[in-house]
Amino acid sequence: MSGERRAVQVRVRGRVQHVGFRWFVARAARGLAVSGWVRNAEDGTVEVAAEGTPAQVDQLLAALRRGPSQAVVQAVEIEERPLTAATDHTEFEILP
């Protein structure tokens, strides 16, 4: 069904801060027309909220598992969310 949507909250662990990870995620998400946000967390992880079609979200998750060349992704923890979780953001934003 073309109207099907999926929303996820993701935490990426590893060497993911200070390596351009947020910019990498934003570029990938915008290219896939996924809405939501990315931010650095105080514990050294990167948090992502994303919403799009299941195929768009799956492609973004694959990109998160790879990360930019300087990153070392150790784990990608995915939590399915209600569709309202990321709909406050109609585009994809980098949060502080």
Protein backbone atom coordinates (compact mmCIF):
# COMPACT_ATOMS: atom_id res chain seq x y z
CA MET A 1 0.00 0.00 0.00
CA SER A 2 1.50 3.33 -1.08
CA GLY A 3 0.26 5.26 2.00
CA GLU A 4 2.00 2.96 4.47
CA ARG A 5 4.37 4.75 6.87
CA ARG A 6 6.89 3.64 9.48
CA ALA A 7 8.41 5.64 12.33
CA VAL A 8 11.46 4.60 14.33
CA GLN A 9 13.61 5.94 17.15
CA VAL A 10 17.22 4.81 16.77
CA ARG A 11 20.32 4.96 18.96
CA VAL A 12 23.66 4.43 17.22
CA ARG A 13 26.60 3.32 19.40
CA GLY A 14 30.30 3.35 18.64
CA ARG A 15 32.63 6.09 17.45
CA VAL A 16 29.80 8.20 16.06
CA GLN A 17 30.39 11.69 17.43
CA HIS A 18 32.91 14.16 15.95
CA VAL A 19 33.16 12.16 12.70
CA GLY A 20 30.44 13.88 10.64
CA PHE A 21 27.82 11.30 11.56
CA ARG A 22 24.91 13.75 11.99
CA TRP A 23 25.64 15.36 8.62
CA PHE A 24 25.92 11.91 7.02
CA VAL A 25 22.53 10.90 8.45
CA ALA A 26 20.85 14.15 7.40
CA ARG A 27 22.20 13.87 3.85
CA ALA A 28 21.03 10.23 3.58
CA ALA A 29 17.60 10.98 5.08
CA ARG A 30 17.00 13.99 2.85
CA GLY A 31 18.03 11.99 -0.20
CA LEU A 32 15.47 9.35 0.75
CA ALA A 33 12.76 11.95 1.58
CA VAL A 34 12.62 10.72 5.19
CA SER A 35 11.44 13.21 7.83
CA GLY A 36 12.69 13.52 11.40
CA TRP A 37 15.86 14.54 13.18
CA VAL A 38 19.34 13.51 14.34
CA ARG A 39 21.27 14.69 17.41
CA ASN A 40 24.27 13.83 19.55
CA ALA A 41 23.35 12.40 22.95
CA GLU A 42 25.27 13.16 26.13
CA ASP A 43 26.31 9.50 26.48
CA GLY A 44 28.32 9.60 23.23
CA THR A 45 25.68 7.97 21.06
CA VAL A 46 23.72 9.49 18.20
CA GLU A 47 19.92 9.53 18.33
CA VAL A 48 17.73 9.49 15.23
CA ALA A 49 13.96 9.85 14.85
CA ALA A 50 12.82 9.01 11.34
CA GLU A 51 9.57 8.55 9.47
CA GLY A 52 8.91 7.49 5.91
CA THR A 53 7.71 4.53 3.92
CA PRO A 54 8.98 1.18 5.18
CA ALA A 55 11.40 1.00 2.22
CA GLN A 56 12.74 4.52 2.89
CA VAL A 57 13.26 3.78 6.58
CA ASP A 58 14.94 0.45 5.80
CA GLN A 59 17.37 2.21 3.45
CA LEU A 60 18.14 4.84 6.10
CA LEU A 61 18.75 2.11 8.69
CA ALA A 62 21.19 0.43 6.29
CA ALA A 63 23.03 3.75 5.97
CA LEU A 64 23.15 4.11 9.78
CA ARG A 65 24.75 0.68 10.07
CA ARG A 66 27.49 1.77 7.62
CA GLY A 67 28.01 5.34 8.80
CA PRO A 68 30.52 7.75 7.29
CA SER A 69 34.03 6.52 6.59
CA GLN A 70 35.53 7.84 9.86
CA ALA A 71 32.82 6.34 12.08
CA VAL A 72 32.89 2.95 13.77
CA VAL A 73 29.32 1.73 14.25
CA GLN A 74 29.13 -0.90 16.97
CA ALA A 75 25.36 -1.15 17.43
CA VAL A 76 22.14 0.26 15.98
CA GLU A 77 19.23 -0.05 18.41
CA ILE A 78 15.84 0.41 16.75
CA GLU A 79 12.54 1.07 18.48
CA GLU A 80 9.32 1.25 16.47
CA ARG A 81 7.35 4.40 17.33
CA PRO A 82 3.85 5.70 16.74
CA LEU A 83 3.64 7.69 13.52
CA THR A 84 3.17 10.87 15.52
CA ALA A 85 6.70 10.54 16.97
CA ALA A 86 8.50 12.13 14.01
CA THR A 87 5.68 14.03 12.33
CA ASP A 88 6.55 17.31 14.08
CA HIS A 89 9.37 17.48 11.56
CA THR A 90 8.25 17.65 7.94
CA GLU A 91 11.86 17.64 6.78
CA PHE A 92 14.99 16.12 8.28
CA GLU A 93 16.81 18.32 10.80
CA ILE A 94 20.10 18.25 12.65
CA LEU A 95 19.39 19.12 16.29
CA PRO A 96 21.99 20.41 18.75
